[in-house]
Amino acid sequence: MSNTDKKLSDIPVSVLDLVPVLAGKTPADAFKTSLDLAQHVERWGYQRFWMAEHHNMPGIASSATAILIGHIAGGTSTIRVGSGGIMLPNHAPLVVAEQFGTLESLYPGRIDLGLGRAPGTDQLTAMALRRDLRGSVEDFPQNVQEIMGYFAPATPGARVRAVPGEGLNIPVWLLGSSTYGAQLAGMLGLPYAFASHFAPAMLHAALKVYRESFTPSGTLQEPYAIACVNVVAADTDTEANHLATSLYQSFLNVIRGTARQMQPPVESMDDFWDGSEKYAVHQMLQYSFIGAPETVKTGLQSFLDDTQVDEIMVTSHIFDHNARLHSYEILADFFKRVESESIKQSA
């Protein structure tokens, strides 16, 4: 089979959950629905369930990402759980290594560590997180390698060790929305995930740089790339387009710099945005697949034909939890499924 023959059914599908806080609800509610989502997608054969570190955002409850990974992993049994990602400038590499060493020790063979170099917040909040901003993006490659060093087998005489963490096989992923992380992931021989769900412009350039710069490593012999996209699937195009107005409102708030909880869908966005705002939102959401099952399947297959990624990760800004579950259930039928223990036991 040539690369151009790759079908959705040949690759796995995964979830990026932003742990959304709905209007009128609390973070505690968000934690409950995220666990319920993880339990459902595990049964439907999804590969992994990632959460992203954000701070000072009323609509996103995933700030303490490592704690939430433990919560989700503890409530599931087979799906891989990880970070998409941990924003490394906010943390000492040793702390990250210890946290993920702890998670891997509790849930062996199921933890992914995705690392990003952005702060995941505004500059004032970044200052509150770090106490100062002396660190720069130039520190990112060294910090990544420092974490990987902590996961290496024990070195006699080492003065600083990650306990737990040392000697554990924890996959390290680099995340990005530009060519910077792509090149670094390639040079280090690490898997790479691109944030095309909100930063589509550099997707193709980043994938090209990653593949061309890839050097086989003890971790990975061939490049492995994930692209994240937005999906709102429903029984009809009309219903999906209605549900998607929650997604549009969320990104409109990003553009305006206003922080709100996730809003319910509306009949029309015309009363909410002007022409320039509508254009800006749609530019950010270029890789969004909204519609009935066949509409979404056709769009995702075209995306796969165009990018030849190894895995597609999906995030769904859908206000109603049952509608969000239904969207992920529709998607599961398109992709290669990962068998859960319960499926294997019943076979």
C-alpha atoms as a PDB file:
ATOM      1  CA  MET A   1       0.000   0.000   0.000  1.00  0.00           C
ATOM      2  CA  SER A   2       1.475   3.368  -0.970  1.00  0.00           C
ATOM      3  CA  ASN A   3       1.223   6.411   1.276  1.00  0.00           C
ATOM      4  CA  THR A   4      -1.420   7.924  -0.968  1.00  0.00           C
ATOM      5  CA  ASP A   5      -3.609   4.876  -0.376  1.00  0.00           C
ATOM      6  CA  LYS A   6      -3.793   5.470   3.399  1.00  0.00           C
ATOM      7  CA  LYS A   7      -7.379   5.347   4.664  1.00  0.00           C
ATOM      8  CA  LEU A   8      -8.923   6.537   7.915  1.00  0.00           C
ATOM      9  CA  SER A   9      -9.435   2.892   8.851  1.00  0.00           C
ATOM     10  CA  ASP A  10      -5.654   2.395   8.670  1.00  0.00           C
ATOM     11  CA  ILE A  11      -4.805   4.904  11.414  1.00  0.00           C
ATOM     12  CA  PRO A  12      -5.801   5.433  15.052  1.00  0.00           C
ATOM     13  CA  VAL A  13      -7.873   8.321  16.347  1.00  0.00           C
ATOM     14  CA  SER A  14      -7.349  10.083  19.668  1.00  0.00           C
ATOM     15  CA  VAL A  15      -8.911  12.799  21.826  1.00  0.00           C
ATOM     16  CA  LEU A  16      -7.652  16.177  22.972  1.00  0.00           C
ATOM     17  CA  ASP A  17      -9.937  17.246  25.795  1.00  0.00           C
ATOM     18  CA  LEU A  18      -9.740  20.844  27.007  1.00  0.00           C
ATOM     19  CA  VAL A  19     -11.879  19.938  30.050  1.00  0.00           C
ATOM     20  CA  PRO A  20     -14.375  22.698  29.206  1.00  0.00           C
ATOM     21  CA  VAL A  21     -16.308  24.468  31.939  1.00  0.00           C
ATOM     22  CA  LEU A  22     -19.832  25.061  30.657  1.00  0.00           C
ATOM     23  CA  ALA A  23     -21.789  28.230  31.345  1.00  0.00           C
ATOM     24  CA  GLY A  24     -23.421  27.882  34.750  1.00  0.00           C
ATOM     25  CA  LYS A  25     -21.262  24.896  35.719  1.00  0.00           C
ATOM     26  CA  THR A  26     -18.118  24.398  37.809  1.00  0.00           C
ATOM     27  CA  PRO A  27     -14.692  22.822  37.239  1.00  0.00           C
ATOM     28  CA  ALA A  28     -15.891  19.885  39.354  1.00  0.00           C
ATOM     29  CA  ASP A  29     -18.628  19.302  36.782  1.00  0.00           C
ATOM     30  CA  ALA A  30     -16.026  19.466  34.007  1.00  0.00           C
ATOM     31  CA  PHE A  31     -13.894  16.803  35.690  1.00  0.00           C
ATOM     32  CA  LYS A  32     -16.862  14.435  35.890  1.00  0.00           C
ATOM     33  CA  THR A  33     -17.825  14.837  32.229  1.00  0.00           C
ATOM     34  CA  SER A  34     -14.214  14.490  31.061  1.00  0.00           C
ATOM     35  CA  LEU A  35     -13.882  11.183  32.900  1.00  0.00           C
ATOM     36  CA  ASP A  36     -17.181  10.020  31.417  1.00  0.00           C
ATOM     37  CA  LEU A  37     -15.934  10.994  27.954  1.00  0.00           C
ATOM     38  CA  ALA A  38     -12.678   9.101  28.506  1.00  0.00           C
ATOM     39  CA  GLN A  39     -14.531   5.978  29.597  1.00  0.00           C
ATOM     40  CA  HIS A  40     -16.735   6.105  26.503  1.00  0.00           C
ATOM     41  CA  VAL A  41     -13.936   6.683  23.974  1.00  0.00           C
ATOM     42  CA  GLU A  42     -11.913   3.894  25.569  1.00  0.00           C
ATOM     43  CA  ARG A  43     -14.780   1.490  24.844  1.00  0.00           C
ATOM     44  CA  TRP A  44     -15.045   2.848  21.309  1.00  0.00           C
ATOM     45  CA  GLY A  45     -11.395   2.060  20.564  1.00  0.00           C
ATOM     46  CA  TYR A  46      -9.663   5.441  20.722  1.00  0.00           C
ATOM     47  CA  GLN A  47      -5.868   5.363  21.026  1.00  0.00           C
ATOM     48  CA  ARG A  48      -5.155   8.087  23.589  1.00  0.00           C
ATOM     49  CA  PHE A  49      -6.781  10.813  25.699  1.00  0.00           C
ATOM     50  CA  TRP A  50      -4.729  13.966  26.133  1.00  0.00           C
ATOM     51  CA  MET A  51      -5.367  17.139  28.122  1.00  0.00           C
ATOM     52  CA  ALA A  52      -3.701  20.521  27.652  1.00  0.00           C
ATOM     53  CA  GLU A  53      -2.235  22.880  30.228  1.00  0.00           C
ATOM     54  CA  HIS A  54      -3.986  26.256  30.255  1.00  0.00           C
ATOM     55  CA  HIS A  55      -4.073  28.878  32.987  1.00  0.00           C
ATOM     56  CA  ASN A  56      -6.334  31.772  33.975  1.00  0.00           C
ATOM     57  CA  MET A  57      -9.114  30.693  31.607  1.00  0.00           C
ATOM     58  CA  PRO A  58     -12.613  30.399  33.121  1.00  0.00           C
ATOM     59  CA  GLY A  59     -13.721  28.033  30.360  1.00  0.00           C
ATOM     60  CA  ILE A  60     -10.863  25.500  30.679  1.00  0.00           C
ATOM     61  CA  ALA A  61     -10.260  23.473  33.849  1.00  0.00           C
ATOM     62  CA  SER A  62      -7.071  21.589  32.914  1.00  0.00           C
ATOM     63  CA  SER A  63      -4.512  23.826  34.646  1.00  0.00           C
ATOM     64  CA  ALA A  64      -3.269  21.070  37.010  1.00  0.00           C
ATOM     65  CA  THR A  65      -2.714  18.742  34.071  1.00  0.00           C
ATOM     66  CA  ALA A  66      -0.695  16.006  35.767  1.00  0.00           C
ATOM     67  CA  ILE A  67      -3.326  15.624  38.513  1.00  0.00           C
ATOM     68  CA  LEU A  68      -6.080  15.311  35.909  1.00  0.00           C
ATOM     69  CA  ILE A  69      -4.084  12.706  33.981  1.00  0.00           C
ATOM     70  CA  GLY A  70      -4.039  10.627  37.163  1.00  0.00           C
ATOM     71  CA  HIS A  71      -7.794  11.141  37.582  1.00  0.00           C
ATOM     72  CA  ILE A  72      -8.537   9.980  34.026  1.00  0.00           C
ATOM     73  CA  ALA A  73      -6.040   7.098  34.090  1.00  0.00           C
ATOM     74  CA  GLY A  74      -7.463   5.909  37.404  1.00  0.00           C
ATOM     75  CA  GLY A  75     -10.974   5.807  35.975  1.00  0.00           C
ATOM     76  CA  THR A  76      -9.996   3.930  32.784  1.00  0.00           C
ATOM     77  CA  SER A  77      -8.037   0.754  32.150  1.00  0.00           C
ATOM     78  CA  THR A  78      -6.492   0.603  28.667  1.00  0.00           C
ATOM     79  CA  ILE A  79      -6.522   3.948  26.846  1.00  0.00           C
ATOM     80  CA  ARG A  80      -3.263   5.919  26.875  1.00  0.00           C
ATOM     81  CA  VAL A  81      -3.551   9.142  28.889  1.00  0.00           C
ATOM     82  CA  GLY A  82      -1.259  12.126  28.610  1.00  0.00           C
ATOM     83  CA  SER A  83      -0.521  15.778  28.149  1.00  0.00           C
ATOM     84  CA  GLY A  84      -1.084  17.734  25.018  1.00  0.00           C
ATOM     85  CA  GLY A  85       0.826  19.289  26.518  1.00  0.00           C
ATOM     86  CA  ILE A  86       2.750  20.269  29.597  1.00  0.00           C
ATOM     87  CA  MET A  87       3.985  23.821  28.983  1.00  0.00           C
ATOM     88  CA  LEU A  88       7.628  23.338  29.882  1.00  0.00           C
ATOM     89  CA  PRO A  89       8.574  26.998  30.522  1.00  0.00           C
ATOM     90  CA  ASN A  90       6.241  26.914  33.546  1.00  0.00           C
ATOM     91  CA  HIS A  91       7.995  23.981  35.233  1.00  0.00           C
ATOM     92  CA  ALA A  92      11.375  22.747  36.352  1.00  0.00           C
ATOM     93  CA  PRO A  93      12.306  19.692  34.242  1.00  0.00           C
ATOM     94  CA  LEU A  94      12.932  17.615  37.383  1.00  0.00           C
ATOM     95  CA  VAL A  95       9.409  18.312  38.655  1.00  0.00           C
ATOM     96  CA  VAL A  96       7.904  17.198  35.334  1.00  0.00           C
ATOM     97  CA  ALA A  97      10.036  14.047  35.354  1.00  0.00           C
ATOM     98  CA  GLU A  98       8.964  13.201  38.915  1.00  0.00           C
ATOM     99  CA  GLN A  99       5.281  13.838  38.203  1.00  0.00           C
ATOM    100  CA  PHE A 100       5.231  11.690  35.082  1.00  0.00           C
ATOM    101  CA  GLY A 101       7.460   9.079  36.692  1.00  0.00           C
ATOM    102  CA  THR A 102       4.810   8.854  39.413  1.00  0.00           C
ATOM    103  CA  LEU A 103       2.010   8.571  36.851  1.00  0.00           C
ATOM    104  CA  GLU A 104       3.859   5.879  34.883  1.00  0.00           C
ATOM    105  CA  SER A 105       4.519   3.954  38.094  1.00  0.00           C
ATOM    106  CA  LEU A 106       0.827   4.077  38.982  1.00  0.00           C
ATOM    107  CA  TYR A 107      -0.455   3.313  35.457  1.00  0.00           C
ATOM    108  CA  PRO A 108       2.391   1.463  33.689  1.00  0.00           C
ATOM    109  CA  GLY A 109       2.461   1.496  29.911  1.00  0.00           C
ATOM    110  CA  ARG A 110      -0.335   4.068  29.578  1.00  0.00           C
ATOM    111  CA  ILE A 111       1.211   7.519  30.092  1.00  0.00           C
ATOM    112  CA  ASP A 112       2.307   9.997  27.386  1.00  0.00           C
ATOM    113  CA  LEU A 113       4.315  13.152  28.091  1.00  0.00           C
ATOM    114  CA  GLY A 114       3.686  15.827  25.474  1.00  0.00           C
ATOM    115  CA  LEU A 115       5.786  18.977  25.885  1.00  0.00           C
ATOM    116  CA  GLY A 116       5.171  22.465  24.557  1.00  0.00           C
ATOM    117  CA  ARG A 117       7.271  25.628  24.722  1.00  0.00           C
ATOM    118  CA  ALA A 118       4.463  28.208  25.038  1.00  0.00           C
ATOM    119  CA  PRO A 119       3.242  29.370  28.465  1.00  0.00           C
ATOM    120  CA  GLY A 120      -0.385  28.394  27.858  1.00  0.00           C
ATOM    121  CA  THR A 121      -1.551  31.731  29.209  1.00  0.00           C
ATOM    122  CA  ASP A 122      -0.963  35.503  29.188  1.00  0.00           C
ATOM    123  CA  GLN A 123       2.315  37.115  30.255  1.00  0.00           C
ATOM    124  CA  LEU A 124       1.032  38.335  33.631  1.00  0.00           C
ATOM    125  CA  THR A 125      -0.148  34.832  34.550  1.00  0.00           C
ATOM    126  CA  ALA A 126       3.111  33.371  33.253  1.00  0.00           C
ATOM    127  CA  MET A 127       4.915  35.671  35.698  1.00  0.00           C
ATOM    128  CA  ALA A 128       2.706  34.401  38.533  1.00  0.00           C
ATOM    129  CA  LEU A 129       3.471  30.803  37.555  1.00  0.00           C
ATOM    130  CA  ARG A 130       7.234  31.203  37.257  1.00  0.00           C
ATOM    131  CA  ARG A 131       7.942  34.198  39.545  1.00  0.00           C
ATOM    132  CA  ASP A 132      10.178  35.616  36.796  1.00  0.00           C
ATOM    133  CA  LEU A 133      10.513  35.400  33.011  1.00  0.00           C
ATOM    134  CA  ARG A 134      14.268  34.929  32.703  1.00  0.00           C
ATOM    135  CA  GLY A 135      13.806  31.657  30.855  1.00  0.00           C
ATOM    136  CA  SER A 136      13.394  31.827  27.075  1.00  0.00           C
ATOM    137  CA  VAL A 137      12.386  29.557  24.214  1.00  0.00           C
ATOM    138  CA  GLU A 138      16.085  28.896  23.652  1.00  0.00           C
ATOM    139  CA  ASP A 139      16.032  26.868  26.884  1.00  0.00           C
ATOM    140  CA  PHE A 140      13.416  24.470  25.507  1.00  0.00           C
ATOM    141  CA  PRO A 141      15.741  21.976  23.737  1.00  0.00           C
ATOM    142  CA  GLN A 142      17.984  21.698  26.804  1.00  0.00           C
ATOM    143  CA  ASN A 143      14.995  21.279  29.106  1.00  0.00           C
ATOM    144  CA  VAL A 144      13.527  18.525  26.910  1.00  0.00           C
ATOM    145  CA  GLN A 145      16.828  16.670  26.934  1.00  0.00           C
ATOM    146  CA  GLU A 146      17.137  17.152  30.688  1.00  0.00           C
ATOM    147  CA  ILE A 147      13.756  15.449  31.202  1.00  0.00           C
ATOM    148  CA  MET A 148      14.744  12.612  28.900  1.00  0.00           C
ATOM    149  CA  GLY A 149      17.962  12.255  30.904  1.00  0.00           C
ATOM    150  CA  TYR A 150      15.965  11.828  34.105  1.00  0.00           C
ATOM    151  CA  PHE A 151      14.037   8.950  32.474  1.00  0.00           C
ATOM    152  CA  ALA A 152      17.254   7.201  31.405  1.00  0.00           C
ATOM    153  CA  PRO A 153      18.583   4.183  33.297  1.00  0.00           C
ATOM    154  CA  ALA A 154      20.350   4.944  36.573  1.00  0.00           C
ATOM    155  CA  THR A 155      23.806   6.463  36.230  1.00  0.00           C
ATOM    156  CA  PRO A 156      26.274   5.553  38.982  1.00  0.00           C
ATOM    157  CA  GLY A 157      27.189   8.610  40.991  1.00  0.00           C
ATOM    158  CA  ALA A 158      24.364  10.794  39.646  1.00  0.00           C
ATOM    159  CA  ARG A 159      23.814  13.666  42.076  1.00  0.00           C
ATOM    160  CA  VAL A 160      20.255  14.486  40.909  1.00  0.00           C
ATOM    161  CA  ARG A 161      17.795  11.699  40.122  1.00  0.00           C
ATOM    162  CA  ALA A 162      14.079  11.544  39.362  1.00  0.00           C
ATOM    163  CA  VAL A 163      12.546   9.123  41.865  1.00  0.00           C
ATOM    164  CA  PRO A 164      10.199   7.859  40.523  1.00  0.00           C
ATOM    165  CA  GLY A 165      11.044   8.408  36.869  1.00  0.00           C
ATOM    166  CA  GLU A 166      14.505   6.970  36.498  1.00  0.00           C
ATOM    167  CA  GLY A 167      14.634   4.046  34.077  1.00  0.00           C
ATOM    168  CA  LEU A 168      10.986   4.280  33.057  1.00  0.00           C
ATOM    169  CA  ASN A 169       9.803   4.062  29.458  1.00  0.00           C
ATOM    170  CA  ILE A 170       7.671   7.199  29.168  1.00  0.00           C
ATOM    171  CA  PRO A 171       7.084   8.360  25.570  1.00  0.00           C
ATOM    172  CA  VAL A 172       8.072  12.012  25.144  1.00  0.00           C
ATOM    173  CA  TRP A 173       6.243  13.924  22.413  1.00  0.00           C
ATOM    174  CA  LEU A 174       7.025  17.401  21.150  1.00  0.00           C
ATOM    175  CA  LEU A 175       4.081  19.650  20.343  1.00  0.00           C
ATOM    176  CA  GLY A 176       4.023  22.659  18.103  1.00  0.00           C
ATOM    177  CA  SER A 177       2.232  25.174  15.952  1.00  0.00           C
ATOM    178  CA  SER A 178       5.288  26.224  13.916  1.00  0.00           C
ATOM    179  CA  THR A 179       8.377  24.646  12.386  1.00  0.00           C
ATOM    180  CA  TYR A 180      10.490  25.129  15.543  1.00  0.00           C
ATOM    181  CA  GLY A 181       9.191  22.124  17.479  1.00  0.00           C
ATOM    182  CA  ALA A 182       8.975  20.110  14.268  1.00  0.00           C
ATOM    183  CA  GLN A 183      12.684  20.463  13.591  1.00  0.00           C
ATOM    184  CA  LEU A 184      13.617  19.713  17.191  1.00  0.00           C
ATOM    185  CA  ALA A 185      11.403  16.614  17.255  1.00  0.00           C
ATOM    186  CA  GLY A 186      13.015  15.439  14.036  1.00  0.00           C
ATOM    187  CA  MET A 187      16.559  16.021  15.285  1.00  0.00           C
ATOM    188  CA  LEU A 188      15.865  14.189  18.557  1.00  0.00           C
ATOM    189  CA  GLY A 189      13.983  11.350  16.858  1.00  0.00           C
ATOM    190  CA  LEU A 190      10.788  11.979  18.835  1.00  0.00           C
ATOM    191  CA  PRO A 191       7.121  11.749  17.818  1.00  0.00           C
ATOM    192  CA  TYR A 192       5.497  15.084  16.936  1.00  0.00           C
ATOM    193  CA  ALA A 193       2.006  16.521  17.335  1.00  0.00           C
ATOM    194  CA  PHE A 194       0.833  19.664  15.526  1.00  0.00           C
ATOM    195  CA  ALA A 195      -1.899  21.986  16.825  1.00  0.00           C
ATOM    196  CA  SER A 196      -3.773  22.453  13.562  1.00  0.00           C
ATOM    197  CA  HIS A 197      -7.049  22.779  15.475  1.00  0.00           C
ATOM    198  CA  PHE A 198      -6.208  26.426  16.202  1.00  0.00           C
ATOM    199  CA  ALA A 199      -3.007  27.230  14.256  1.00  0.00           C
ATOM    200  CA  PRO A 200      -3.471  25.795  10.771  1.00  0.00           C
ATOM    201  CA  ALA A 201      -1.141  28.057   8.796  1.00  0.00           C
ATOM    202  CA  MET A 202       2.117  26.177   9.356  1.00  0.00           C
ATOM    203  CA  LEU A 203       0.827  22.610   9.308  1.00  0.00           C
ATOM    204  CA  HIS A 204       2.261  21.497   5.978  1.00  0.00           C
ATOM    205  CA  ALA A 205       5.572  23.300   6.467  1.00  0.00           C
ATOM    206  CA  ALA A 206       5.976  21.772   9.938  1.00  0.00           C
ATOM    207  CA  LEU A 207       5.234  18.239   8.729  1.00  0.00           C
ATOM    208  CA  LYS A 208       7.749  18.672   5.888  1.00  0.00           C
ATOM    209  CA  VAL A 209      10.448  19.964   8.241  1.00  0.00           C
ATOM    210  CA  TYR A 210       9.775  17.183  10.743  1.00  0.00           C
ATOM    211  CA  ARG A 211      10.002  14.406   8.169  1.00  0.00           C
ATOM    212  CA  GLU A 212      13.065  15.834   6.423  1.00  0.00           C
ATOM    213  CA  SER A 213      14.978  16.469   9.657  1.00  0.00           C
ATOM    214  CA  PHE A 214      14.036  13.174  11.308  1.00  0.00           C
ATOM    215  CA  THR A 215      16.938  11.145  12.682  1.00  0.00           C
ATOM    216  CA  PRO A 216      16.191   7.632  13.954  1.00  0.00           C
ATOM    217  CA  SER A 217      16.669   7.259  17.691  1.00  0.00           C
ATOM    218  CA  GLY A 218      16.376   4.654  20.395  1.00  0.00           C
ATOM    219  CA  THR A 219      12.836   5.941  20.813  1.00  0.00           C
ATOM    220  CA  LEU A 220      11.641   5.948  17.216  1.00  0.00           C
ATOM    221  CA  GLN A 221      12.965   4.544  13.956  1.00  0.00           C
ATOM    222  CA  GLU A 222      10.623   6.423  11.612  1.00  0.00           C
ATOM    223  CA  PRO A 223       8.819   9.757  11.948  1.00  0.00           C
ATOM    224  CA  TYR A 224       5.414   9.643  13.601  1.00  0.00           C
ATOM    225  CA  ALA A 225       3.141  12.673  13.334  1.00  0.00           C
ATOM    226  CA  ILE A 226      -0.228  13.539  14.833  1.00  0.00           C
ATOM    227  CA  ALA A 227      -2.392  16.435  13.665  1.00  0.00           C
ATOM    228  CA  CYS A 228      -5.169  17.752  15.870  1.00  0.00           C
ATOM    229  CA  VAL A 229      -8.420  18.955  14.283  1.00  0.00           C
ATOM    230  CA  ASN A 230     -11.839  20.162  15.383  1.00  0.00           C
ATOM    231  CA  VAL A 231     -14.785  17.867  14.725  1.00  0.00           C
ATOM    232  CA  VAL A 232     -18.501  18.407  15.331  1.00  0.00           C
ATOM    233  CA  ALA A 233     -20.392  15.379  14.037  1.00  0.00           C
ATOM    234  CA  ALA A 234     -24.146  14.891  14.325  1.00  0.00           C
ATOM    235  CA  ASP A 235     -26.928  13.015  12.560  1.00  0.00           C
ATOM    236  CA  THR A 236     -27.475  15.880  10.086  1.00  0.00           C
ATOM    237  CA  ASP A 237     -25.454  18.766   8.686  1.00  0.00           C
ATOM    238  CA  THR A 238     -28.036  21.183  10.098  1.00  0.00           C
ATOM    239  CA  GLU A 239     -27.721  19.847  13.625  1.00  0.00           C
ATOM    240  CA  ALA A 240     -23.912  19.816  13.481  1.00  0.00           C
ATOM    241  CA  ASN A 241     -23.765  23.404  12.224  1.00  0.00           C
ATOM    242  CA  HIS A 242     -26.025  24.449  15.103  1.00  0.00           C
ATOM    243  CA  LEU A 243     -23.821  22.671  17.674  1.00  0.00           C
ATOM    244  CA  ALA A 244     -20.727  24.279  16.128  1.00  0.00           C
ATOM    245  CA  THR A 245     -21.844  27.762  17.152  1.00  0.00           C
ATOM    246  CA  SER A 246     -20.416  26.992  20.618  1.00  0.00           C
ATOM    247  CA  LEU A 247     -17.042  26.429  18.931  1.00  0.00           C
ATOM    248  CA  TYR A 248     -17.358  29.715  17.037  1.00  0.00           C
ATOM    249  CA  GLN A 249     -18.223  31.616  20.209  1.00  0.00           C
ATOM    250  CA  SER A 250     -15.193  30.174  21.995  1.00  0.00           C
ATOM    251  CA  PHE A 251     -12.800  31.283  19.271  1.00  0.00           C
ATOM    252  CA  LEU A 252     -14.500  34.643  18.937  1.00  0.00           C
ATOM    253  CA  ASN A 253     -13.701  35.171  22.620  1.00  0.00           C
ATOM    254  CA  VAL A 254     -10.071  34.241  21.932  1.00  0.00           C
ATOM    255  CA  ILE A 255      -9.863  36.848  19.186  1.00  0.00           C
ATOM    256  CA  ARG A 256     -11.474  39.502  21.364  1.00  0.00           C
ATOM    257  CA  GLY A 257      -9.399  38.622  24.408  1.00  0.00           C
ATOM    258  CA  THR A 258     -12.504  37.983  26.493  1.00  0.00           C
ATOM    259  CA  ALA A 259     -12.561  35.033  28.883  1.00  0.00           C
ATOM    260  CA  ARG A 260     -15.842  33.181  29.296  1.00  0.00           C
ATOM    261  CA  GLN A 261     -17.111  29.728  30.075  1.00  0.00           C
ATOM    262  CA  MET A 262     -18.259  27.615  27.115  1.00  0.00           C
ATOM    263  CA  GLN A 263     -21.556  28.963  25.807  1.00  0.00           C
ATOM    264  CA  PRO A 264     -24.589  27.019  24.544  1.00  0.00           C
ATOM    265  CA  PRO A 265     -25.274  26.974  20.796  1.00  0.00           C
ATOM    266  CA  VAL A 266     -27.248  29.790  19.208  1.00  0.00           C
ATOM    267  CA  GLU A 267     -29.544  29.961  16.192  1.00  0.00           C
ATOM    268  CA  SER A 268     -27.245  32.298  14.271  1.00  0.00           C
ATOM    269  CA  MET A 269     -23.816  33.843  14.766  1.00  0.00           C
ATOM    270  CA  ASP A 270     -24.760  36.938  12.763  1.00  0.00           C
ATOM    271  CA  ASP A 271     -25.647  38.828  15.932  1.00  0.00           C
ATOM    272  CA  PHE A 272     -22.346  37.933  17.583  1.00  0.00           C
ATOM    273  CA  TRP A 273     -19.587  38.778  15.111  1.00  0.00           C
ATOM    274  CA  ASP A 274     -18.816  41.262  12.374  1.00  0.00           C
ATOM    275  CA  GLY A 275     -17.348  40.361   8.999  1.00  0.00           C
ATOM    276  CA  SER A 276     -13.706  40.673  10.016  1.00  0.00           C
ATOM    277  CA  GLU A 277     -14.229  38.616  13.170  1.00  0.00           C
ATOM    278  CA  LYS A 278     -16.045  35.913  11.229  1.00  0.00           C
ATOM    279  CA  TYR A 279     -13.154  35.754   8.776  1.00  0.00           C
ATOM    280  CA  ALA A 280     -10.577  35.551  11.572  1.00  0.00           C
ATOM    281  CA  VAL A 281     -12.448  32.755  13.357  1.00  0.00           C
ATOM    282  CA  HIS A 282     -12.796  30.723  10.181  1.00  0.00           C
ATOM    283  CA  GLN A 283      -9.086  31.207   9.418  1.00  0.00           C
ATOM    284  CA  MET A 284      -8.179  29.767  12.821  1.00  0.00           C
ATOM    285  CA  LEU A 285     -10.671  26.931  12.343  1.00  0.00           C
ATOM    286  CA  GLN A 286      -9.562  25.965   8.839  1.00  0.00           C
ATOM    287  CA  TYR A 287      -9.191  22.338   9.898  1.00  0.00           C
ATOM    288  CA  SER A 288     -12.655  21.869  11.349  1.00  0.00           C
ATOM    289  CA  PHE A 289     -14.949  19.123  10.127  1.00  0.00           C
ATOM    290  CA  ILE A 290     -18.589  19.799  10.841  1.00  0.00           C
ATOM    291  CA  GLY A 291     -21.591  17.862   9.619  1.00  0.00           C
ATOM    292  CA  ALA A 292     -23.371  14.543   9.244  1.00  0.00           C
ATOM    293  CA  PRO A 293     -21.294  11.337   9.312  1.00  0.00           C
ATOM    294  CA  GLU A 294     -20.541  11.176   5.590  1.00  0.00           C
ATOM    295  CA  THR A 295     -19.739  14.894   5.447  1.00  0.00           C
ATOM    296  CA  VAL A 296     -17.207  14.542   8.257  1.00  0.00           C
ATOM    297  CA  LYS A 297     -15.769  11.286   6.942  1.00  0.00           C
ATOM    298  CA  THR A 298     -15.197  12.762   3.484  1.00  0.00           C
ATOM    299  CA  GLY A 299     -13.527  15.840   4.958  1.00  0.00           C
ATOM    300  CA  LEU A 300     -11.255  13.847   7.243  1.00  0.00           C
ATOM    301  CA  GLN A 301     -10.222  11.483   4.439  1.00  0.00           C
ATOM    302  CA  SER A 302      -9.299  14.496   2.313  1.00  0.00           C
ATOM    303  CA  PHE A 303      -7.265  15.860   5.239  1.00  0.00           C
ATOM    304  CA  LEU A 304      -5.461  12.532   5.570  1.00  0.00           C
ATOM    305  CA  ASP A 305      -4.780  12.414   1.816  1.00  0.00           C
ATOM    306  CA  ASP A 306      -3.307  15.906   2.047  1.00  0.00           C
ATOM    307  CA  THR A 307      -1.145  15.438   5.163  1.00  0.00           C
ATOM    308  CA  GLN A 308      -0.391  11.697   5.375  1.00  0.00           C
ATOM    309  CA  VAL A 309      -0.283  11.949   9.169  1.00  0.00           C
ATOM    310  CA  ASP A 310       0.043   8.786  11.214  1.00  0.00           C
ATOM    311  CA  GLU A 311      -2.748   9.603  13.651  1.00  0.00           C
ATOM    312  CA  ILE A 312      -5.553  12.140  13.915  1.00  0.00           C
ATOM    313  CA  MET A 313      -6.417  13.736  17.237  1.00  0.00           C
ATOM    314  CA  VAL A 314      -9.840  15.291  17.657  1.00  0.00           C
ATOM    315  CA  THR A 315     -11.157  18.000  19.918  1.00  0.00           C
ATOM    316  CA  SER A 316     -14.868  18.757  20.001  1.00  0.00           C
ATOM    317  CA  HIS A 317     -16.231  22.024  21.425  1.00  0.00           C
ATOM    318  CA  ILE A 318     -19.785  20.772  21.936  1.00  0.00           C
ATOM    319  CA  PHE A 319     -21.848  22.195  24.789  1.00  0.00           C
ATOM    320  CA  ASP A 320     -24.239  19.313  25.399  1.00  0.00           C
ATOM    321  CA  HIS A 321     -22.382  16.325  26.826  1.00  0.00           C
ATOM    322  CA  ASN A 322     -24.602  13.711  25.171  1.00  0.00           C
ATOM    323  CA  ALA A 323     -24.166  15.445  21.812  1.00  0.00           C
ATOM    324  CA  ARG A 324     -20.390  15.481  22.364  1.00  0.00           C
ATOM    325  CA  LEU A 325     -20.419  11.754  23.136  1.00  0.00           C
ATOM    326  CA  HIS A 326     -22.462  11.106  20.011  1.00  0.00           C
ATOM    327  CA  SER A 327     -19.960  13.032  17.897  1.00  0.00           C
ATOM    328  CA  TYR A 328     -17.081  10.880  19.162  1.00  0.00           C
ATOM    329  CA  GLU A 329     -19.128   7.713  18.700  1.00  0.00           C
ATOM    330  CA  ILE A 330     -19.784   8.626  15.059  1.00  0.00           C
ATOM    331  CA  LEU A 331     -16.055   9.187  14.513  1.00  0.00           C
ATOM    332  CA  ALA A 332     -15.042   5.863  16.025  1.00  0.00           C
ATOM    333  CA  ASP A 333     -16.555   4.003  13.084  1.00  0.00           C
ATOM    334  CA  PHE A 334     -14.197   5.686  10.600  1.00  0.00           C
ATOM    335  CA  PHE A 335     -10.857   4.792  12.189  1.00  0.00           C
ATOM    336  CA  LYS A 336      -8.707   1.848  13.179  1.00  0.00           C
ATOM    337  CA  ARG A 337      -9.825   0.778  16.634  1.00  0.00           C
ATOM    338  CA  VAL A 338      -7.638  -0.108  19.584  1.00  0.00           C
ATOM    339  CA  GLU A 339      -8.979  -3.183  21.339  1.00  0.00           C
ATOM    340  CA  SER A 340      -9.687  -2.720  25.042  1.00  0.00           C
ATOM    341  CA  GLU A 341      -9.176  -5.463  27.620  1.00  0.00           C
ATOM    342  CA  SER A 342     -12.918  -6.031  27.818  1.00  0.00           C
ATOM    343  CA  ILE A 343     -13.108  -6.551  24.067  1.00  0.00           C
ATOM    344  CA  LYS A 344     -10.168  -8.978  24.147  1.00  0.00           C
ATOM    345  CA  GLN A 345     -11.650 -10.901  27.063  1.00  0.00           C
ATOM    346  CA  SER A 346     -14.995 -11.303  25.313  1.00  0.00           C
ATOM    347  CA  ALA A 347     -13.444 -12.483  22.068  1.00  0.00           C
END
